[in-house]
Amino acid sequence: MTPDVARLIEFYRSPLGNIARALLRREIIRFAGSVRGQRVLGLGFATPYLRFALAEAERVLAFMPARQGASAWPREGPSHTVLCDPLEMPLTDAAVDVIIAVHALEHIADAEELMR
């Protein structure tokens, strides 16, 4: 069973979700390093981990799989969310510098194709 967007939002609003978000966000920021001037893509339901990039990155996109559903993000300002098929993302080669994939692999049958 793949989680839908409403269940994911509910989880990240729970006490356990808040702990998971805090712990994972710290590691994501450490791995991503500085995103100043870079184009950042959150794939799956990565929005709980993308806020750190909004102020410094050139662009931040949140691509959510159609099977999961989407929610507008961020709450303030224009939405950065795109509802799409993860294997047919509307991007050219080298369109992004950093990809943060969270809750993404469970929505596709061919992980190798997604990574390509």
C-alpha atoms as a PDB file:
ATOM      1  CA  MET A   1       0.000   0.000   0.000  1.00  0.00           C
ATOM      2  CA  THR A   2       1.328   3.427  -0.883  1.00  0.00           C
ATOM      3  CA  PRO A   3       0.622   6.324   1.465  1.00  0.00           C
ATOM      4  CA  ASP A   4      -1.550   9.137   0.195  1.00  0.00           C
ATOM      5  CA  VAL A   5      -0.814  12.784   0.800  1.00  0.00           C
ATOM      6  CA  ALA A   6      -3.461  13.188   3.527  1.00  0.00           C
ATOM      7  CA  ARG A   7      -1.966  10.338   5.575  1.00  0.00           C
ATOM      8  CA  LEU A   8       1.545  11.726   5.145  1.00  0.00           C
ATOM      9  CA  ILE A   9       0.448  15.183   6.295  1.00  0.00           C
ATOM     10  CA  GLU A  10      -1.266  13.602   9.291  1.00  0.00           C
ATOM     11  CA  PHE A  11       1.888  11.649  10.168  1.00  0.00           C
ATOM     12  CA  TYR A  12       4.191  14.676   9.987  1.00  0.00           C
ATOM     13  CA  ARG A  13       1.807  16.627  12.247  1.00  0.00           C
ATOM     14  CA  SER A  14       1.963  13.887  14.905  1.00  0.00           C
ATOM     15  CA  PRO A  15       4.551  13.803  17.723  1.00  0.00           C
ATOM     16  CA  LEU A  16       6.363  10.885  16.055  1.00  0.00           C
ATOM     17  CA  GLY A  17       6.327  12.716  12.711  1.00  0.00           C
ATOM     18  CA  ASN A  18       7.802  15.823  14.328  1.00  0.00           C
ATOM     19  CA  ILE A  19      10.664  13.764  15.756  1.00  0.00           C
ATOM     20  CA  ALA A  20      11.271  11.978  12.449  1.00  0.00           C
ATOM     21  CA  ARG A  21      11.253  15.287  10.570  1.00  0.00           C
ATOM     22  CA  ALA A  22      13.719  16.905  12.991  1.00  0.00           C
ATOM     23  CA  LEU A  23      16.175  13.999  12.884  1.00  0.00           C
ATOM     24  CA  LEU A  24      16.039  13.476   9.137  1.00  0.00           C
ATOM     25  CA  ARG A  25      16.102  17.189   8.309  1.00  0.00           C
ATOM     26  CA  ARG A  26      19.383  17.571  10.192  1.00  0.00           C
ATOM     27  CA  GLU A  27      20.985  14.776   8.147  1.00  0.00           C
ATOM     28  CA  ILE A  28      19.537  16.020   4.852  1.00  0.00           C
ATOM     29  CA  ILE A  29      20.971  19.489   5.480  1.00  0.00           C
ATOM     30  CA  ARG A  30      24.331  17.945   6.339  1.00  0.00           C
ATOM     31  CA  PHE A  31      24.386  15.822   3.163  1.00  0.00           C
ATOM     32  CA  ALA A  32      23.066  18.593   0.894  1.00  0.00           C
ATOM     33  CA  GLY A  33      25.545  21.175   2.126  1.00  0.00           C
ATOM     34  CA  SER A  34      25.112  24.731   0.949  1.00  0.00           C
ATOM     35  CA  VAL A  35      22.288  25.123  -1.564  1.00  0.00           C
ATOM     36  CA  ARG A  36      22.992  28.804  -2.212  1.00  0.00           C
ATOM     37  CA  GLY A  37      22.163  29.512  -5.852  1.00  0.00           C
ATOM     38  CA  GLN A  38      21.304  25.868  -6.603  1.00  0.00           C
ATOM     39  CA  ARG A  39      18.152  24.292  -7.970  1.00  0.00           C
ATOM     40  CA  VAL A  40      16.650  21.877  -5.439  1.00  0.00           C
ATOM     41  CA  LEU A  41      14.081  19.197  -6.251  1.00  0.00           C
ATOM     42  CA  GLY A  42      12.077  17.423  -3.595  1.00  0.00           C
ATOM     43  CA  LEU A  43      10.711  14.182  -5.019  1.00  0.00           C
ATOM     44  CA  GLY A  44       7.870  12.238  -3.397  1.00  0.00           C
ATOM     45  CA  PHE A  45       6.650  13.870  -0.191  1.00  0.00           C
ATOM     46  CA  ALA A  46       9.809  15.798   0.593  1.00  0.00           C
ATOM     47  CA  THR A  47       8.201  19.079   1.640  1.00  0.00           C
ATOM     48  CA  PRO A  48       8.756  18.486   5.376  1.00  0.00           C
ATOM     49  CA  TYR A  49      12.479  18.635   4.573  1.00  0.00           C
ATOM     50  CA  LEU A  50      12.711  21.426   1.982  1.00  0.00           C
ATOM     51  CA  ARG A  51      12.059  24.615   3.954  1.00  0.00           C
ATOM     52  CA  PHE A  52      15.790  25.082   4.681  1.00  0.00           C
ATOM     53  CA  ALA A  53      16.378  25.631   0.957  1.00  0.00           C
ATOM     54  CA  LEU A  54      13.702  28.273   0.304  1.00  0.00           C
ATOM     55  CA  ALA A  55      15.781  31.286   1.328  1.00  0.00           C
ATOM     56  CA  GLU A  56      19.089  30.341  -0.332  1.00  0.00           C
ATOM     57  CA  ALA A  57      18.357  28.161  -3.348  1.00  0.00           C
ATOM     58  CA  GLU A  58      17.779  29.639  -6.791  1.00  0.00           C
ATOM     59  CA  ARG A  59      14.701  27.438  -7.125  1.00  0.00           C
ATOM     60  CA  VAL A  60      12.927  24.840  -5.004  1.00  0.00           C
ATOM     61  CA  LEU A  61      10.458  22.422  -6.590  1.00  0.00           C
ATOM     62  CA  ALA A  62       8.334  19.755  -4.913  1.00  0.00           C
ATOM     63  CA  PHE A  63       7.372  17.001  -7.386  1.00  0.00           C
ATOM     64  CA  MET A  64       4.715  14.713  -5.921  1.00  0.00           C
ATOM     65  CA  PRO A  65       3.681  11.431  -7.584  1.00  0.00           C
ATOM     66  CA  ALA A  66       0.157  11.345  -9.014  1.00  0.00           C
ATOM     67  CA  ARG A  67      -0.561   8.086  -7.129  1.00  0.00           C
ATOM     68  CA  GLN A  68       0.190   9.831  -3.837  1.00  0.00           C
ATOM     69  CA  GLY A  69      -1.588  13.106  -4.520  1.00  0.00           C
ATOM     70  CA  ALA A  70      -0.275  16.576  -3.847  1.00  0.00           C
ATOM     71  CA  SER A  71      -0.675  19.448  -1.462  1.00  0.00           C
ATOM     72  CA  ALA A  72       0.233  23.071  -2.043  1.00  0.00           C
ATOM     73  CA  TRP A  73       3.581  23.990  -0.495  1.00  0.00           C
ATOM     74  CA  PRO A  74       4.754  26.223   1.050  1.00  0.00           C
ATOM     75  CA  ARG A  75       1.753  27.564   2.939  1.00  0.00           C
ATOM     76  CA  GLU A  76       2.877  31.143   2.342  1.00  0.00           C
ATOM     77  CA  GLY A  77       3.488  32.522  -1.137  1.00  0.00           C
ATOM     78  CA  PRO A  78       3.111  30.776  -4.476  1.00  0.00           C
ATOM     79  CA  SER A  79       3.050  26.982  -4.569  1.00  0.00           C
ATOM     80  CA  HIS A  80       6.216  25.121  -5.578  1.00  0.00           C
ATOM     81  CA  THR A  81       4.312  21.837  -5.979  1.00  0.00           C
ATOM     82  CA  VAL A  82       4.001  19.846  -9.207  1.00  0.00           C
ATOM     83  CA  LEU A  83       1.816  16.724  -9.508  1.00  0.00           C
ATOM     84  CA  CYS A  84       3.515  14.377 -11.960  1.00  0.00           C
ATOM     85  CA  ASP A  85       4.514  10.864 -12.912  1.00  0.00           C
ATOM     86  CA  PRO A  86       7.974  10.365 -11.326  1.00  0.00           C
ATOM     87  CA  LEU A  87       9.220   8.613 -14.468  1.00  0.00           C
ATOM     88  CA  GLU A  88       8.055  11.431 -16.738  1.00  0.00           C
ATOM     89  CA  MET A  89       9.160  14.533 -14.874  1.00  0.00           C
ATOM     90  CA  PRO A  90       8.961  17.722 -16.950  1.00  0.00           C
ATOM     91  CA  LEU A  91      12.683  18.482 -16.615  1.00  0.00           C
ATOM     92  CA  THR A  92      15.590  18.664 -18.999  1.00  0.00           C
ATOM     93  CA  ASP A  93      18.945  17.018 -18.268  1.00  0.00           C
ATOM     94  CA  ALA A  94      20.910  18.855 -15.560  1.00  0.00           C
ATOM     95  CA  ALA A  95      17.840  20.953 -14.638  1.00  0.00           C
ATOM     96  CA  VAL A  96      18.431  20.458 -10.899  1.00  0.00           C
ATOM     97  CA  ASP A  97      21.506  20.374  -8.703  1.00  0.00           C
ATOM     98  CA  VAL A  98      20.188  18.612  -5.592  1.00  0.00           C
ATOM     99  CA  ILE A  99      17.460  15.968  -5.335  1.00  0.00           C
ATOM    100  CA  ILE A 100      15.891  15.063  -2.010  1.00  0.00           C
ATOM    101  CA  ALA A 101      13.756  11.932  -2.463  1.00  0.00           C
ATOM    102  CA  VAL A 102      11.435  11.067   0.423  1.00  0.00           C
ATOM    103  CA  HIS A 103       8.413   8.764   0.057  1.00  0.00           C
ATOM    104  CA  ALA A 104       9.237   8.475  -3.643  1.00  0.00           C
ATOM    105  CA  LEU A 105      10.465   4.953  -4.380  1.00  0.00           C
ATOM    106  CA  GLU A 106       7.301   3.231  -3.150  1.00  0.00           C
ATOM    107  CA  HIS A 107       5.336   4.860  -5.996  1.00  0.00           C
ATOM    108  CA  ILE A 108       7.221   3.304  -8.891  1.00  0.00           C
ATOM    109  CA  ALA A 109       7.988  -0.185 -10.098  1.00  0.00           C
ATOM    110  CA  ASP A 110      11.442   0.558 -11.533  1.00  0.00           C
ATOM    111  CA  ALA A 111      13.735   2.377  -9.086  1.00  0.00           C
ATOM    112  CA  GLU A 112      16.672   2.185 -11.505  1.00  0.00           C
ATOM    113  CA  GLU A 113      14.682   4.056 -14.137  1.00  0.00           C
ATOM    114  CA  LEU A 114      13.759   6.742 -11.610  1.00  0.00           C
ATOM    115  CA  MET A 115      17.385   7.226 -10.615  1.00  0.00           C
ATOM    116  CA  ARG A 116      18.413   7.488 -14.263  1.00  0.00           C
END
